[in-house]
């Protein structure tokens, strides 16, 4: 290459030689200048290793791996956002249910309650063997028409079937005395519910105060009932009015209903008991608090004290957990009513049958045959209360 201004020919010189010497910084050529590996997000050596491995993996498989990793990350984020707190709470509940308390609820001496049977035992002749069946029915609440319709639907046979009611046969509905007469006529068993208990306590107070019983009165109100509302410990005027509709025979029959009915051993279900509301696990039937057996809904896992409110853990959850821990021959199945808000609530060792009949829901029957097979039958009810 030649310049017009001269004869200088640099066609054979390297281009680097054309750079002026004063523009080259020696520090740029030092070995340490290129050793700053910490400046890389991924170490070049690792990156090269990953690249070599990826070169041996088919592109389709690489895409699948990327998708799976993305799904795992998404699942982890969803878990942390929506389910982690519930899972931790569940684990805490499990730990409390497996723990033991210093003081056990039910260990204290239970006082004797007059006119109350704590535990009753069903006659073994009613157990479901051969062609016999047990028909357990939830809260009727005076709905005689629906009760009869339900028995017709299950094909009730008085010679082979035995009916058990979970309590609260009376109150709220249109014909409480009629229900009592009907179930007594068909030889049914029943337990005492909180509404039977309230009526019976009301009747006892009325008897002690010499209020006329039994016999319906048209105007059972403050003008002809001398008991002061404030001092009357059990029931209001409406309850006292209902109490006066029962005959002495019906009252006597109601008083014979136990708080807990020991049904006996049923194939496929183990030992079966019927109560109105619930039971506290690990407490013998004779030591259960009768008020709570008729009213409980939840249990405080720390103190093991049952309650009729909904602030604690559902008692049936605790019950089922504890039953699974027992040897199979010691497990017990509880059939109950009382909690229409939860409705039909079927678990392994607890069967809730209150499905809100008196409020326009359903009346539910659990039919148990000789093989222990469970069938649930319902009829729609008229709405008598809100």
Protein backbone atom coordinates (compact mmCIF):
# COMPACT_ATOMS: atom_id res chain seq x y z
CA UNK A 1 0.00 0.00 0.00
CA UNK A 2 1.42 3.43 -0.95
CA UNK A 3 0.53 6.96 -0.04
CA UNK A 4 0.43 9.72 -2.64
CA UNK A 5 2.41 11.91 -0.32
CA UNK A 6 5.28 9.47 -0.01
CA UNK A 7 6.76 6.18 -0.79
CA UNK A 8 6.00 4.55 2.58
CA UNK A 9 4.73 0.94 2.12
CA UNK A 10 3.19 -0.76 5.20
CA UNK A 11 1.28 -3.52 3.39
CA UNK A 12 3.29 -6.19 5.16
CA UNK A 13 3.15 -4.79 8.73
CA UNK A 14 0.65 -6.07 11.38
CA UNK A 15 -2.13 -3.64 12.18
CA UNK A 16 -1.17 -3.65 15.86
CA UNK A 17 2.04 -1.94 14.94
CA UNK A 18 0.05 1.01 13.62
CA UNK A 19 -1.39 1.80 17.09
CA UNK A 20 0.55 4.53 18.87
CA UNK A 21 2.44 3.31 21.93
CA UNK A 22 1.11 6.02 24.23
CA UNK A 23 -2.52 4.68 23.97
CA UNK A 24 -1.74 1.26 25.51
CA UNK A 25 -2.20 0.83 29.28
CA UNK A 26 0.02 -1.79 30.75
CA UNK A 27 -2.56 -2.54 33.50
CA UNK A 28 -4.94 -3.87 30.85
CA UNK A 29 -2.49 -6.60 30.01
CA UNK A 30 -1.85 -7.76 33.56
CA UNK A 31 -3.00 -11.30 34.35
CA UNK A 32 -5.00 -10.13 37.36
CA UNK A 33 -7.20 -7.99 35.11
CA UNK A 34 -8.80 -11.12 33.65
CA UNK A 35 -8.99 -13.10 36.89
CA UNK A 36 -12.08 -11.36 38.31
CA UNK A 37 -14.36 -14.46 38.24
CA UNK A 38 -16.44 -13.01 41.06
CA UNK A 39 -17.82 -10.50 38.55
CA UNK A 40 -19.72 -13.26 36.74
CA UNK A 41 -23.26 -14.31 37.76
CA UNK A 42 -22.30 -17.91 37.01
CA UNK A 43 -18.75 -19.14 37.26
CA UNK A 44 -17.48 -19.67 33.68
CA UNK A 45 -16.21 -23.12 34.60
CA UNK A 46 -19.61 -24.16 35.94
CA UNK A 47 -21.33 -22.61 32.95
CA UNK A 48 -19.08 -24.55 30.62
CA UNK A 49 -19.80 -27.79 32.52
CA UNK A 50 -23.54 -27.23 32.35
CA UNK A 51 -23.25 -26.44 28.67
CA UNK A 52 -21.39 -29.67 28.02
CA UNK A 53 -24.05 -31.68 29.88
CA UNK A 54 -26.90 -29.90 28.08
CA UNK A 55 -25.28 -30.67 24.74
CA UNK A 56 -25.78 -34.35 25.47
CA UNK A 57 -29.48 -33.91 26.46
CA UNK A 58 -32.09 -33.80 23.67
CA UNK A 59 -33.78 -30.43 23.24
CA UNK A 60 -37.25 -31.96 23.82
CA UNK A 61 -36.14 -33.34 27.16
CA UNK A 62 -34.65 -29.95 28.04
CA UNK A 63 -38.02 -28.31 27.37
CA UNK A 64 -39.81 -30.89 29.53
CA UNK A 65 -37.35 -30.31 32.38
CA UNK A 66 -37.88 -26.56 32.14
CA UNK A 67 -41.67 -27.02 32.24
CA UNK A 68 -41.50 -29.37 35.23
CA UNK A 69 -39.21 -27.03 37.13
CA UNK A 70 -41.58 -24.14 36.38
CA UNK A 71 -44.56 -26.16 37.62
CA UNK A 72 -42.72 -27.09 40.81
CA UNK A 73 -41.89 -23.46 41.49
CA UNK A 74 -45.52 -22.45 40.83
CA UNK A 75 -46.80 -25.22 43.12
CA UNK A 76 -44.44 -24.13 45.87
CA UNK A 77 -45.64 -20.53 45.59
CA UNK A 78 -49.31 -21.62 45.71
CA UNK A 79 -48.59 -23.83 48.74
CA UNK A 80 -46.87 -21.01 50.60
CA UNK A 81 -49.60 -18.53 49.74
CA UNK A 82 -52.78 -20.55 50.34
CA UNK A 83 -52.12 -23.82 52.17
CA UNK A 84 -49.05 -23.53 54.37
CA UNK A 85 -50.86 -21.79 57.26
CA UNK A 86 -53.73 -24.32 57.23
CA UNK A 87 -51.29 -27.21 57.14
CA UNK A 88 -49.33 -25.85 60.09
CA UNK A 89 -52.57 -25.36 62.04
CA UNK A 90 -53.59 -28.93 61.21
CA UNK A 91 -50.24 -30.24 62.42
CA UNK A 92 -50.67 -28.33 65.67
CA UNK A 93 -54.11 -29.88 66.10
CA UNK A 94 -52.69 -33.35 65.53
CA UNK A 95 -49.99 -32.72 68.13
CA UNK A 96 -52.58 -31.55 70.67
CA UNK A 97 -54.86 -34.52 69.96
CA UNK A 98 -51.94 -36.91 70.50
CA UNK A 99 -50.81 -35.20 73.69
CA UNK A 100 -51.87 -36.00 77.24
CA UNK A 101 -53.16 -33.43 79.72
CA UNK A 102 -52.20 -33.15 83.36
CA UNK A 103 -55.84 -33.13 84.46
CA UNK A 104 -58.29 -35.29 82.55
CA UNK A 105 -61.81 -34.01 81.93
CA UNK A 106 -64.32 -36.42 83.43
CA UNK A 107 -62.01 -37.75 86.15
CA UNK A 108 -63.91 -35.99 88.92
CA UNK A 109 -66.83 -37.68 90.64
CA UNK A 110 -70.04 -37.10 88.70
CA UNK A 111 -73.00 -36.12 90.89
CA UNK A 112 -76.22 -38.11 90.79
CA UNK A 113 -78.99 -36.49 88.79
CA UNK A 114 -82.54 -37.22 89.84
CA UNK A 115 -84.95 -38.38 87.12
CA UNK A 116 -82.07 -38.99 84.70
CA UNK A 117 -80.63 -42.25 83.35
CA UNK A 118 -77.00 -41.81 82.36
CA UNK A 119 -76.47 -45.00 80.32
CA UNK A 120 -79.05 -47.43 78.97
CA UNK A 121 -78.54 -50.67 77.06
CA UNK A 122 -80.66 -51.70 74.09
CA UNK A 123 -82.15 -55.19 74.18
CA UNK A 124 -79.93 -57.55 72.17
CA UNK A 125 -82.99 -58.89 70.36
CA UNK A 126 -83.03 -55.67 68.34
CA UNK A 127 -79.48 -56.06 66.97
CA UNK A 128 -79.35 -56.34 63.16
CA UNK A 129 -78.91 -60.06 62.56
CA UNK A 130 -80.43 -62.27 59.84
CA UNK A 131 -83.26 -60.16 58.35
CA UNK A 132 -83.38 -57.55 61.10
CA UNK A 133 -82.42 -53.92 60.62
CA UNK A 134 -81.66 -50.93 62.82
CA UNK A 135 -83.14 -47.60 61.68
CA UNK A 136 -81.54 -44.62 63.44
CA UNK A 137 -83.29 -41.29 62.82
CA UNK A 138 -82.05 -37.75 63.41
CA UNK A 139 -83.82 -34.85 65.15
CA UNK A 140 -87.59 -35.01 64.49
CA UNK A 141 -88.62 -31.90 66.51
CA UNK A 142 -92.32 -32.64 66.47
CA UNK A 143 -92.54 -33.35 62.73
CA UNK A 144 -94.76 -36.42 62.97
CA UNK A 145 -95.87 -36.32 59.35
CA UNK A 146 -92.29 -36.39 58.07
CA UNK A 147 -91.33 -39.15 60.51
CA UNK A 148 -94.11 -41.38 59.23
CA UNK A 149 -93.19 -40.59 55.62
CA UNK A 150 -89.56 -41.53 56.29
CA UNK A 151 -90.47 -44.87 57.85
CA UNK A 152 -92.72 -45.61 54.90
CA UNK A 153 -89.88 -44.77 52.51
CA UNK A 154 -87.42 -47.16 54.23
CA UNK A 155 -90.07 -49.89 54.28
CA UNK A 156 -90.32 -50.11 58.07
CA UNK A 157 -91.40 -53.55 59.27
CA UNK A 158 -92.29 -53.65 62.96
CA UNK A 159 -91.50 -57.36 63.15
CA UNK A 160 -87.93 -57.07 61.84
CA UNK A 161 -86.88 -53.43 62.25
CA UNK A 162 -86.06 -51.43 65.36
CA UNK A 163 -86.10 -47.63 65.38
CA UNK A 164 -83.73 -45.48 67.45
CA UNK A 165 -84.09 -41.70 67.66
CA UNK A 166 -81.12 -39.45 68.43
CA UNK A 167 -83.12 -37.16 70.75
CA UNK A 168 -84.89 -33.84 70.21
CA UNK A 169 -88.06 -35.62 69.17
CA UNK A 170 -90.06 -32.69 70.52
CA UNK A 171 -90.38 -28.89 70.44
CA UNK A 172 -90.34 -26.41 67.54
CA UNK A 173 -92.46 -28.60 65.23
CA UNK A 174 -96.27 -28.90 65.00
CA UNK A 175 -97.00 -32.12 66.95
CA UNK A 176 -94.59 -33.02 69.74
CA UNK A 177 -97.07 -35.12 71.78
CA UNK A 178 -98.05 -36.94 68.58
CA UNK A 179 -94.42 -37.87 67.89
CA UNK A 180 -93.99 -39.22 71.43
CA UNK A 181 -97.15 -41.32 71.15
CA UNK A 182 -96.13 -42.65 67.73
CA UNK A 183 -92.58 -43.68 68.64
CA UNK A 184 -93.84 -45.24 71.87
CA UNK A 185 -96.44 -47.20 69.88
CA UNK A 186 -93.87 -48.70 67.49
CA UNK A 187 -91.58 -49.65 70.39
CA UNK A 188 -88.76 -47.30 69.37
CA UNK A 189 -85.73 -46.50 71.47
CA UNK A 190 -84.44 -42.97 71.99
CA UNK A 191 -81.95 -40.91 73.93
CA UNK A 192 -82.61 -37.73 75.85
CA UNK A 193 -81.83 -34.64 73.82
CA UNK A 194 -81.39 -31.11 75.11
CA UNK A 195 -85.02 -30.30 74.23
CA UNK A 196 -86.38 -33.32 76.11
CA UNK A 197 -84.12 -32.36 79.00
CA UNK A 198 -85.42 -28.81 79.02
CA UNK A 199 -89.05 -29.94 78.96
CA UNK A 200 -88.47 -32.49 81.74
CA UNK A 201 -86.70 -29.94 83.93
CA UNK A 202 -89.53 -27.51 83.26
CA UNK A 203 -92.08 -30.14 84.28
CA UNK A 204 -90.14 -30.85 87.48
CA UNK A 205 -90.09 -27.16 88.39
CA UNK A 206 -93.79 -26.88 87.65
CA UNK A 207 -94.57 -29.93 89.78
CA UNK A 208 -92.51 -28.53 92.65
CA UNK A 209 -94.38 -25.24 92.32
CA UNK A 210 -97.75 -27.04 92.12
CA UNK A 211 -98.56 -25.79 88.63
CA UNK A 212 -101.34 -27.91 87.11
CA UNK A 213 -99.94 -30.85 85.12
CA UNK A 214 -100.66 -32.56 82.83
CA UNK A 215 -103.37 -31.37 80.46
CA UNK A 216 -103.42 -28.72 77.74
CA UNK A 217 -104.63 -25.24 78.62
CA UNK A 218 -105.75 -22.71 76.08
CA UNK A 219 -104.21 -19.63 77.72
CA UNK A 220 -101.04 -20.78 79.41
CA UNK A 221 -99.66 -17.30 79.95
CA UNK A 222 -98.65 -15.01 82.76
CA UNK A 223 -102.23 -14.44 83.92
CA UNK A 224 -102.85 -18.07 84.87
CA UNK A 225 -99.26 -19.21 85.55
CA UNK A 226 -98.20 -17.94 88.96
CA UNK A 227 -94.47 -18.61 88.44
CA UNK A 228 -92.37 -15.50 88.02
CA UNK A 229 -90.41 -15.53 84.75
CA UNK A 230 -87.27 -14.18 86.40
CA UNK A 231 -87.21 -16.85 89.10
CA UNK A 232 -88.18 -19.73 86.86
CA UNK A 233 -84.94 -21.61 86.24
CA UNK A 234 -86.02 -23.90 83.41
CA UNK A 235 -87.90 -22.63 80.40
CA UNK A 236 -90.15 -19.75 79.51
CA UNK A 237 -93.93 -19.56 79.23
CA UNK A 238 -93.83 -21.07 75.74
CA UNK A 239 -91.98 -24.14 77.05
CA UNK A 240 -94.38 -24.44 79.99
CA UNK A 241 -97.30 -24.27 77.60
CA UNK A 242 -95.84 -27.15 75.59
CA UNK A 243 -95.11 -29.11 78.78
CA UNK A 244 -98.79 -29.02 79.72
CA UNK A 245 -99.69 -30.84 76.47
CA UNK A 246 -97.98 -34.09 77.50
CA UNK A 247 -99.85 -36.76 79.41
CA UNK A 248 -98.46 -38.35 82.56
CA UNK A 249 -97.71 -41.50 80.57
CA UNK A 250 -95.76 -39.55 77.96
CA UNK A 251 -93.81 -37.70 80.65
CA UNK A 252 -92.92 -40.99 82.31
CA UNK A 253 -91.78 -42.42 78.97
CA UNK A 254 -89.60 -39.38 78.27
CA UNK A 255 -87.97 -39.66 81.70
CA UNK A 256 -86.96 -43.24 80.92
CA UNK A 257 -84.90 -42.16 77.89
CA UNK A 258 -81.19 -42.48 78.76
CA UNK A 259 -78.63 -39.81 77.96
CA UNK A 260 -76.45 -42.51 76.33
CA UNK A 261 -77.79 -45.64 74.65
CA UNK A 262 -75.37 -48.53 74.38
CA UNK A 263 -76.58 -50.37 71.26
CA UNK A 264 -74.05 -53.22 71.25
CA UNK A 265 -71.71 -54.76 68.71
CA UNK A 266 -72.74 -54.29 65.09
CA UNK A 267 -70.96 -56.10 62.28
CA UNK A 268 -68.70 -53.73 60.37
CA UNK A 269 -69.14 -50.90 62.90
CA UNK A 270 -67.83 -52.32 66.16
CA UNK A 271 -69.45 -51.18 69.39
CA UNK A 272 -72.18 -48.64 68.65
CA UNK A 273 -73.65 -46.00 70.95
CA UNK A 274 -76.30 -43.37 70.30
CA UNK A 275 -76.24 -39.93 71.94
CA UNK A 276 -77.83 -36.63 71.13
CA UNK A 277 -74.80 -34.32 70.76
CA UNK A 278 -71.46 -36.04 71.34
CA UNK A 279 -68.91 -37.74 73.58
CA UNK A 280 -65.47 -36.82 74.94
CA UNK A 281 -62.84 -39.36 73.83
CA UNK A 282 -61.10 -41.59 76.39
CA UNK A 283 -63.78 -41.01 79.06
CA UNK A 284 -65.97 -43.97 80.14
CA UNK A 285 -69.65 -43.58 79.30
CA UNK A 286 -70.60 -43.54 82.96
CA UNK A 287 -68.29 -40.58 83.61
CA UNK A 288 -69.40 -38.40 80.67
CA UNK A 289 -70.98 -35.07 81.59
CA UNK A 290 -74.68 -35.55 80.74
CA UNK A 291 -75.21 -31.87 79.96
CA UNK A 292 -72.37 -31.89 77.44
CA UNK A 293 -73.48 -35.22 75.95
CA UNK A 294 -76.76 -33.46 75.12
CA UNK A 295 -75.26 -30.11 74.06
CA UNK A 296 -71.60 -30.25 72.98
CA UNK A 297 -70.36 -29.18 69.57
CA UNK A 298 -66.65 -28.61 70.07
CA UNK A 299 -63.76 -29.51 72.40
CA UNK A 300 -60.85 -27.39 73.62
CA UNK A 301 -57.88 -29.61 72.77
CA UNK A 302 -55.67 -28.05 75.44
CA UNK A 303 -58.04 -28.63 78.34
CA UNK A 304 -60.20 -31.39 76.78
CA UNK A 305 -63.28 -29.53 78.01
CA UNK A 306 -66.31 -29.78 75.68
CA UNK A 307 -68.52 -26.82 74.84
CA UNK A 308 -71.81 -26.12 73.12
CA UNK A 309 -70.29 -23.18 71.20
CA UNK A 310 -68.22 -23.43 68.01
CA UNK A 311 -64.95 -21.88 69.17
CA UNK A 312 -62.98 -25.11 69.59
CA UNK A 313 -62.27 -28.17 67.49
CA UNK A 314 -65.32 -30.17 66.33
CA UNK A 315 -65.68 -32.96 68.87
CA UNK A 316 -66.19 -35.58 66.14
CA UNK A 317 -62.81 -34.73 64.59
CA UNK A 318 -61.10 -35.39 67.92
CA UNK A 319 -63.24 -38.49 68.45
CA UNK A 320 -62.32 -40.05 65.10
CA UNK A 321 -58.63 -39.26 65.58
CA UNK A 322 -58.55 -40.96 68.98
CA UNK A 323 -60.53 -44.00 67.83
CA UNK A 324 -57.97 -44.71 65.10
CA UNK A 325 -55.27 -44.86 67.78
CA UNK A 326 -57.09 -47.59 69.73
CA UNK A 327 -56.93 -51.34 69.09
CA UNK A 328 -59.72 -52.35 66.72
CA UNK A 329 -61.64 -54.24 69.42
CA UNK A 330 -61.82 -51.10 71.59
CA UNK A 331 -63.09 -48.69 68.95
CA UNK A 332 -66.57 -47.22 69.22
CA UNK A 333 -68.92 -45.67 66.64
CA UNK A 334 -71.17 -42.82 67.80
CA UNK A 335 -74.45 -41.96 66.09
CA UNK A 336 -75.79 -38.53 67.02
CA UNK A 337 -77.94 -35.54 66.00
CA UNK A 338 -78.13 -32.01 67.45
CA UNK A 339 -75.96 -30.05 64.98
CA UNK A 340 -78.15 -29.09 62.05
CA UNK A 341 -75.67 -26.41 60.96
CA UNK A 342 -73.18 -29.13 59.95
CA UNK A 343 -76.02 -31.25 58.62
CA UNK A 344 -75.51 -34.88 57.71
CA UNK A 345 -71.95 -35.47 58.84
CA UNK A 346 -70.68 -38.98 58.17
CA UNK A 347 -67.21 -40.09 59.28
CA UNK A 348 -65.64 -43.46 60.05
CA UNK A 349 -66.48 -43.55 63.76
CA UNK A 350 -69.18 -40.86 63.99
CA UNK A 351 -72.46 -40.47 62.11
CA UNK A 352 -74.26 -37.11 62.38
CA UNK A 353 -77.89 -37.31 61.29
CA UNK A 354 -79.44 -33.90 62.05
CA UNK A 355 -80.21 -32.39 58.65
CA UNK A 356 -82.51 -29.58 59.78
CA UNK A 357 -85.95 -31.10 59.24
CA UNK A 358 -87.91 -28.56 61.29
CA UNK A 359 -86.26 -25.70 59.39
CA UNK A 360 -87.32 -27.02 55.99
CA UNK A 361 -84.35 -29.36 55.48
CA UNK A 362 -84.50 -33.15 55.50
CA UNK A 363 -85.22 -35.88 58.00
CA UNK A 364 -82.45 -38.48 57.76
CA UNK A 365 -82.41 -42.17 58.64
CA UNK A 366 -79.38 -44.45 58.86
CA UNK A 367 -80.46 -47.99 57.98
CA UNK A 368 -78.09 -50.74 59.18
CA UNK A 369 -78.57 -54.29 57.93
CA UNK A 370 -77.23 -57.60 59.26
CA UNK A 371 -74.01 -57.26 57.23
CA UNK A 372 -73.26 -53.86 58.73
CA UNK A 373 -74.04 -52.10 55.46
CA UNK A 374 -75.10 -48.48 55.96
CA UNK A 375 -77.74 -46.81 53.82
CA UNK A 376 -78.93 -43.23 54.25
CA UNK A 377 -82.52 -42.33 53.41
CA UNK A 378 -84.04 -38.85 53.55
CA UNK A 379 -87.39 -37.11 53.10
CA UNK A 380 -87.92 -33.39 52.46
CA UNK A 381 -89.56 -31.52 55.31
CA UNK A 382 -91.90 -28.57 55.49
CA UNK A 383 -90.46 -25.42 57.00
CA UNK A 384 -91.86 -24.78 60.45
CA UNK A 385 -89.19 -22.38 61.76
CA UNK A 386 -86.67 -20.02 60.16
